[in-house]
N, C-alpha and C. Protein backbone atom coordinates (compact mmCIF):
# COMPACT_ATOMS: atom_id res chain seq x y z
N UNK A 1 101.58 12.67 -63.04
CA UNK A 1 101.13 12.21 -62.52
C UNK A 1 100.50 12.22 -61.12
N UNK A 2 99.65 11.13 -60.91
CA UNK A 2 99.62 10.99 -59.39
C UNK A 2 99.46 9.66 -58.78
N UNK A 3 100.61 9.48 -57.98
CA UNK A 3 100.14 8.01 -57.04
C UNK A 3 99.76 8.04 -56.08
N UNK A 4 99.17 6.94 -55.65
CA UNK A 4 98.51 6.94 -53.74
C UNK A 4 99.83 6.23 -53.20
N UNK A 5 100.15 6.79 -52.29
CA UNK A 5 101.37 6.78 -50.92
C UNK A 5 100.41 6.62 -50.14
N UNK A 6 101.14 4.79 -49.58
CA UNK A 6 100.58 3.92 -48.67
C UNK A 6 102.11 3.96 -47.83
N UNK A 7 101.47 4.17 -46.72
CA UNK A 7 102.91 4.14 -45.52
C UNK A 7 102.09 3.01 -44.64
N UNK A 8 103.10 2.19 -44.74
CA UNK A 8 102.58 0.99 -43.70
C UNK A 8 103.00 0.62 -42.54
N UNK A 9 102.43 0.32 -41.18
CA UNK A 9 102.64 0.72 -40.10
C UNK A 9 104.03 0.49 -39.21
N UNK A 10 104.45 -0.48 -40.02
CA UNK A 10 106.15 -1.05 -39.68
C UNK A 10 106.94 0.59 -39.79
N UNK A 11 106.25 1.06 -40.71
CA UNK A 11 107.34 2.18 -41.47
C UNK A 11 107.24 3.09 -40.70
N UNK A 12 105.91 3.93 -40.52
CA UNK A 12 105.44 4.45 -39.42
C UNK A 12 106.13 4.67 -37.81
N UNK A 13 105.86 2.97 -37.48
CA UNK A 13 107.00 2.93 -35.92
C UNK A 13 108.77 2.53 -36.60
N UNK A 14 109.06 2.69 -37.43
CA UNK A 14 110.20 3.00 -37.54
C UNK A 14 110.79 4.74 -37.46
N UNK A 15 109.68 5.08 -38.19
CA UNK A 15 109.54 6.90 -38.34
C UNK A 15 109.76 7.20 -36.96
N UNK A 16 109.05 6.84 -36.28
CA UNK A 16 108.40 7.05 -34.63
C UNK A 16 109.75 6.93 -33.75
N UNK A 17 110.13 5.90 -34.25
CA UNK A 17 111.50 5.61 -33.34
C UNK A 17 112.33 6.54 -33.17
N UNK A 18 113.07 6.94 -34.93
CA UNK A 18 113.71 7.64 -34.83
C UNK A 18 113.70 8.70 -34.36
N UNK A 19 112.39 9.50 -34.78
CA UNK A 19 112.46 10.80 -33.84
C UNK A 19 112.29 10.89 -32.69
N UNK A 20 111.95 9.46 -31.93
CA UNK A 20 112.26 9.91 -30.39
C UNK A 20 114.02 9.64 -30.26
N UNK A 21 114.54 9.32 -30.92
CA UNK A 21 115.76 9.12 -30.14
C UNK A 21 116.66 10.34 -30.69
N UNK A 22 116.68 10.91 -31.86
CA UNK A 22 116.90 12.76 -32.24
C UNK A 22 116.35 13.11 -31.16
N UNK A 23 114.81 13.03 -30.78
CA UNK A 23 114.70 14.29 -29.87
C UNK A 23 115.05 14.62 -28.58
N UNK A 24 115.58 12.97 -28.16
CA UNK A 24 116.03 13.02 -27.29
C UNK A 24 118.16 13.31 -27.40
N UNK A 25 118.42 13.04 -28.65
CA UNK A 25 120.04 13.65 -28.35
C UNK A 25 119.74 15.22 -28.38
N UNK A 26 118.79 15.25 -29.00
CA UNK A 26 119.25 17.14 -28.97
C UNK A 26 117.37 17.90 -28.98
N UNK A 27 116.98 18.40 -28.65
CA UNK A 27 115.83 18.94 -28.88
C UNK A 27 115.27 19.58 -30.30
N UNK A 28 114.15 19.00 -30.82
CA UNK A 28 114.28 19.60 -32.33
C UNK A 28 114.49 18.96 -33.23
N UNK A 29 115.87 18.31 -32.90
CA UNK A 29 116.03 17.48 -33.85
C UNK A 29 115.15 16.32 -34.68
N UNK A 30 114.65 15.74 -33.44
CA UNK A 30 113.23 14.65 -33.99
C UNK A 30 112.47 15.58 -35.19
N UNK A 31 112.18 16.68 -34.98
CA UNK A 31 111.64 17.51 -35.92
C UNK A 31 111.65 17.61 -37.04
N UNK A 32 113.41 17.77 -37.49
CA UNK A 32 113.93 18.06 -38.42
C UNK A 32 114.18 16.65 -39.36
N UNK A 33 114.38 15.81 -38.55
CA UNK A 33 114.18 14.65 -38.93
C UNK A 33 113.04 14.32 -39.60
N UNK A 34 111.97 14.57 -39.15
CA UNK A 34 110.39 14.16 -39.39
C UNK A 34 110.29 14.77 -40.76
N UNK A 35 110.85 16.20 -40.87
CA UNK A 35 110.69 16.98 -42.04
C UNK A 35 111.82 16.57 -42.83
N UNK A 36 113.08 15.71 -43.02
CA UNK A 36 113.76 15.57 -44.15
C UNK A 36 112.72 14.24 -44.51
N UNK A 37 112.11 13.41 -43.73
CA UNK A 37 111.52 12.62 -44.40
C UNK A 37 110.69 12.78 -45.22
N UNK A 38 109.70 13.87 -44.63
CA UNK A 38 108.03 14.30 -45.26
C UNK A 38 109.12 14.55 -47.08
N UNK A 39 110.11 15.49 -47.06
CA UNK A 39 110.90 15.88 -48.05
C UNK A 39 110.94 14.83 -48.97
N UNK A 40 112.11 13.53 -48.31
CA UNK A 40 111.68 12.44 -49.18
C UNK A 40 111.20 11.98 -49.75
N UNK A 41 110.07 11.81 -48.92
CA UNK A 41 108.77 11.38 -49.41
C UNK A 41 107.74 11.79 -50.55
N UNK A 42 108.09 13.62 -50.15
CA UNK A 42 107.19 14.19 -51.59
C UNK A 42 108.47 13.93 -52.65
N UNK A 43 109.59 13.76 -53.10
CA UNK A 43 110.06 13.25 -53.58
C UNK A 43 109.61 12.16 -54.14
N UNK A 44 109.72 11.26 -53.67
CA UNK A 44 109.35 9.63 -54.15
C UNK A 44 108.38 9.98 -54.69
N UNK A 45 107.35 10.64 -54.10
CA UNK A 45 106.10 11.23 -54.96
C UNK A 45 106.04 11.61 -55.94
N UNK A 46 106.75 12.47 -56.38
CA UNK A 46 106.87 12.89 -58.05
C UNK A 46 107.59 12.18 -58.91
N UNK A 47 108.60 11.46 -58.62
CA UNK A 47 108.72 10.62 -59.56
C UNK A 47 109.39 9.17 -58.91
N UNK A 48 108.80 8.24 -58.34
CA UNK A 48 109.28 7.12 -57.57
C UNK A 48 110.19 6.41 -58.75
N UNK A 49 110.16 6.08 -59.85
CA UNK A 49 111.12 5.30 -60.80
C UNK A 49 112.73 5.90 -60.79
N UNK A 50 112.95 7.57 -60.03
CA UNK A 50 114.02 7.91 -60.03
C UNK A 50 115.87 6.90 -59.14
N UNK A 51 114.94 6.20 -58.29
CA UNK A 51 115.52 6.01 -57.17
C UNK A 51 115.71 4.47 -57.48
N UNK A 52 116.81 3.58 -56.97
CA UNK A 52 117.36 2.47 -57.26
C UNK A 52 116.54 1.44 -56.96
N UNK A 53 116.23 0.28 -57.43
CA UNK A 53 115.99 -1.01 -56.78
C UNK A 53 117.30 -1.43 -56.55
N UNK A 54 117.34 -2.02 -54.65
CA UNK A 54 117.89 -2.52 -54.16
C UNK A 54 118.02 -3.82 -53.33
N UNK A 55 116.76 -4.46 -53.36
CA UNK A 55 116.31 -5.50 -52.90
C UNK A 55 115.12 -6.07 -53.51
N UNK A 56 115.12 -7.39 -54.31
CA UNK A 56 114.03 -7.59 -55.20
C UNK A 56 113.18 -6.36 -55.45
N UNK A 57 111.69 -6.29 -55.19
CA UNK A 57 111.22 -5.20 -56.02
C UNK A 57 111.63 -3.61 -55.26
N UNK A 58 112.15 -4.04 -54.24
CA UNK A 58 112.30 -2.73 -52.94
C UNK A 58 113.04 -1.32 -53.28
N UNK A 59 112.93 -0.19 -54.04
CA UNK A 59 113.59 0.11 -53.72
C UNK A 59 113.87 1.78 -52.69
N UNK A 60 114.83 2.60 -52.93
CA UNK A 60 115.61 3.15 -51.78
C UNK A 60 115.61 4.89 -52.09
N UNK A 61 115.31 5.40 -51.35
CA UNK A 61 115.31 6.88 -51.49
C UNK A 61 116.29 7.30 -50.40
N UNK A 62 117.34 8.33 -50.32
CA UNK A 62 118.31 8.25 -48.99
C UNK A 62 117.44 9.73 -48.08
N UNK A 63 117.83 9.54 -47.01
CA UNK A 63 116.69 10.69 -46.29
C UNK A 63 117.99 11.85 -46.14
N UNK A 64 117.95 13.18 -46.71
CA UNK A 64 118.83 13.91 -46.46
C UNK A 64 119.22 14.22 -45.36
N UNK A 65 121.02 14.61 -45.22
CA UNK A 65 121.22 14.82 -43.42
C UNK A 65 121.10 13.89 -42.38
N UNK A 66 120.20 12.68 -42.71
CA UNK A 66 120.39 11.52 -42.18
C UNK A 66 120.65 10.11 -42.11
N UNK A 67 121.34 9.71 -41.59
CA UNK A 67 121.72 8.15 -42.52
C UNK A 67 120.56 7.37 -42.31
N UNK A 68 119.57 7.81 -43.24
CA UNK A 68 118.29 6.58 -43.06
C UNK A 68 117.94 6.69 -44.79
N UNK A 69 117.29 5.48 -45.03
CA UNK A 69 116.68 5.41 -46.51
C UNK A 69 114.98 4.94 -45.92
N UNK A 70 114.38 5.49 -46.93
CA UNK A 70 112.96 5.69 -47.41
C UNK A 70 112.84 3.80 -48.36
N UNK A 71 112.91 2.64 -47.41
CA UNK A 71 112.15 1.75 -48.72
C UNK A 71 110.75 1.40 -48.99
N UNK A 72 110.81 1.41 -50.69
CA UNK A 72 109.44 1.30 -50.63
C UNK A 72 108.87 0.83 -52.27
N UNK A 73 108.29 0.34 -52.31
CA UNK A 73 107.69 -0.57 -53.67
C UNK A 73 106.76 0.03 -54.18
N UNK A 74 106.74 0.07 -55.66
CA UNK A 74 106.06 0.81 -56.61
C UNK A 74 105.55 -0.39 -57.48
N UNK A 75 104.36 -0.41 -57.64
CA UNK A 75 103.61 -0.90 -58.44
C UNK A 75 102.11 -0.58 -58.81
N UNK A 76 102.08 -0.41 -60.28
CA UNK A 76 100.56 0.10 -60.50
C UNK A 76 100.51 1.37 -60.42
N UNK A 77 101.06 2.56 -59.85
CA UNK A 77 100.54 3.99 -59.22
C UNK A 77 100.38 3.77 -57.98
N UNK A 78 100.85 2.98 -57.47
CA UNK A 78 100.95 2.50 -55.56
C UNK A 78 102.22 2.73 -55.53
N UNK A 79 102.49 3.74 -54.46
CA UNK A 79 103.80 3.34 -53.69
C UNK A 79 103.68 2.98 -51.95
N UNK A 80 104.23 1.89 -51.65
CA UNK A 80 103.97 1.84 -50.38
C UNK A 80 105.31 1.32 -50.08
N UNK A 81 105.50 2.47 -49.09
CA UNK A 81 106.62 2.51 -47.89
C UNK A 81 106.52 1.33 -47.07
N UNK A 82 107.56 0.27 -46.70
CA UNK A 82 107.79 -0.58 -46.13
C UNK A 82 108.51 -0.52 -45.34
N UNK A 83 109.49 0.80 -45.13
CA UNK A 83 110.55 0.65 -43.81
C UNK A 83 111.08 2.58 -43.85
N UNK A 84 111.79 2.68 -42.90
CA UNK A 84 112.65 3.66 -42.88
C UNK A 84 113.72 2.93 -41.85
N UNK A 85 114.70 3.37 -42.61
CA UNK A 85 115.64 2.25 -41.84
C UNK A 85 117.39 2.63 -42.09
N UNK A 86 117.64 2.80 -40.64
CA UNK A 86 119.45 3.52 -40.78
C UNK A 86 120.11 2.58 -41.52
N UNK A 87 121.08 3.51 -42.60
CA UNK A 87 121.72 3.12 -43.32
C UNK A 87 122.69 1.65 -42.96
N UNK A 88 123.52 1.97 -41.53
CA UNK A 88 124.40 0.62 -40.82
C UNK A 88 123.19 -0.32 -40.55
N UNK A 89 122.14 -0.57 -40.25
CA UNK A 89 121.45 -1.33 -39.71
C UNK A 89 121.45 -2.86 -40.71
N UNK A 90 121.28 -4.16 -40.22
CA UNK A 90 121.20 -5.30 -40.48
C UNK A 90 120.10 -4.81 -41.32
N UNK A 91 120.14 -5.19 -43.12
CA UNK A 91 118.95 -5.31 -43.78
C UNK A 91 118.10 -6.24 -44.00
N UNK A 92 118.25 -7.15 -43.28
CA UNK A 92 117.19 -8.66 -42.78
C UNK A 92 115.67 -7.94 -42.22
N UNK A 93 115.55 -7.32 -41.50
CA UNK A 93 113.89 -6.89 -40.69
C UNK A 93 113.28 -6.52 -41.72
N UNK A 94 114.03 -5.79 -42.71
CA UNK A 94 113.10 -4.77 -43.67
C UNK A 94 112.78 -5.88 -44.83
N UNK A 95 114.34 -6.31 -45.26
CA UNK A 95 113.86 -7.41 -46.12
C UNK A 95 112.78 -8.97 -45.80
N UNK A 96 112.68 -8.73 -44.94
CA UNK A 96 111.54 -9.64 -44.32
C UNK A 96 110.02 -8.84 -44.43
N UNK A 97 110.12 -7.45 -44.75
CA UNK A 97 108.45 -7.24 -44.38
C UNK A 97 108.54 -7.16 -46.14
N UNK A 98 108.63 -7.69 -46.91
CA UNK A 98 108.73 -7.34 -48.49
C UNK A 98 107.50 -8.74 -48.73
N UNK A 99 106.82 -8.55 -49.53
CA UNK A 99 105.60 -9.67 -49.77
C UNK A 99 105.73 -10.16 -51.00
């Protein structure tokens, strides 16, 4: 089955911020982070129900090798990515993004 993937602006900015931070640490590490996020998004697209609900209707898929999770909502064949968040951060900011 084919699902529509929507990445909200806030999530894109999360990914961009993390990319810039990793790239500042080591050249090329930011690109590795983005590839890991892309791989995670592909996995979500193949089977969006495979990941646990962690808050209200939000599900989380962990990004391999990096301490980040992709937070998304799946409803009627639409996957809406609401955040890409570091696992040690306070969850309140991304929880506030839920509609």
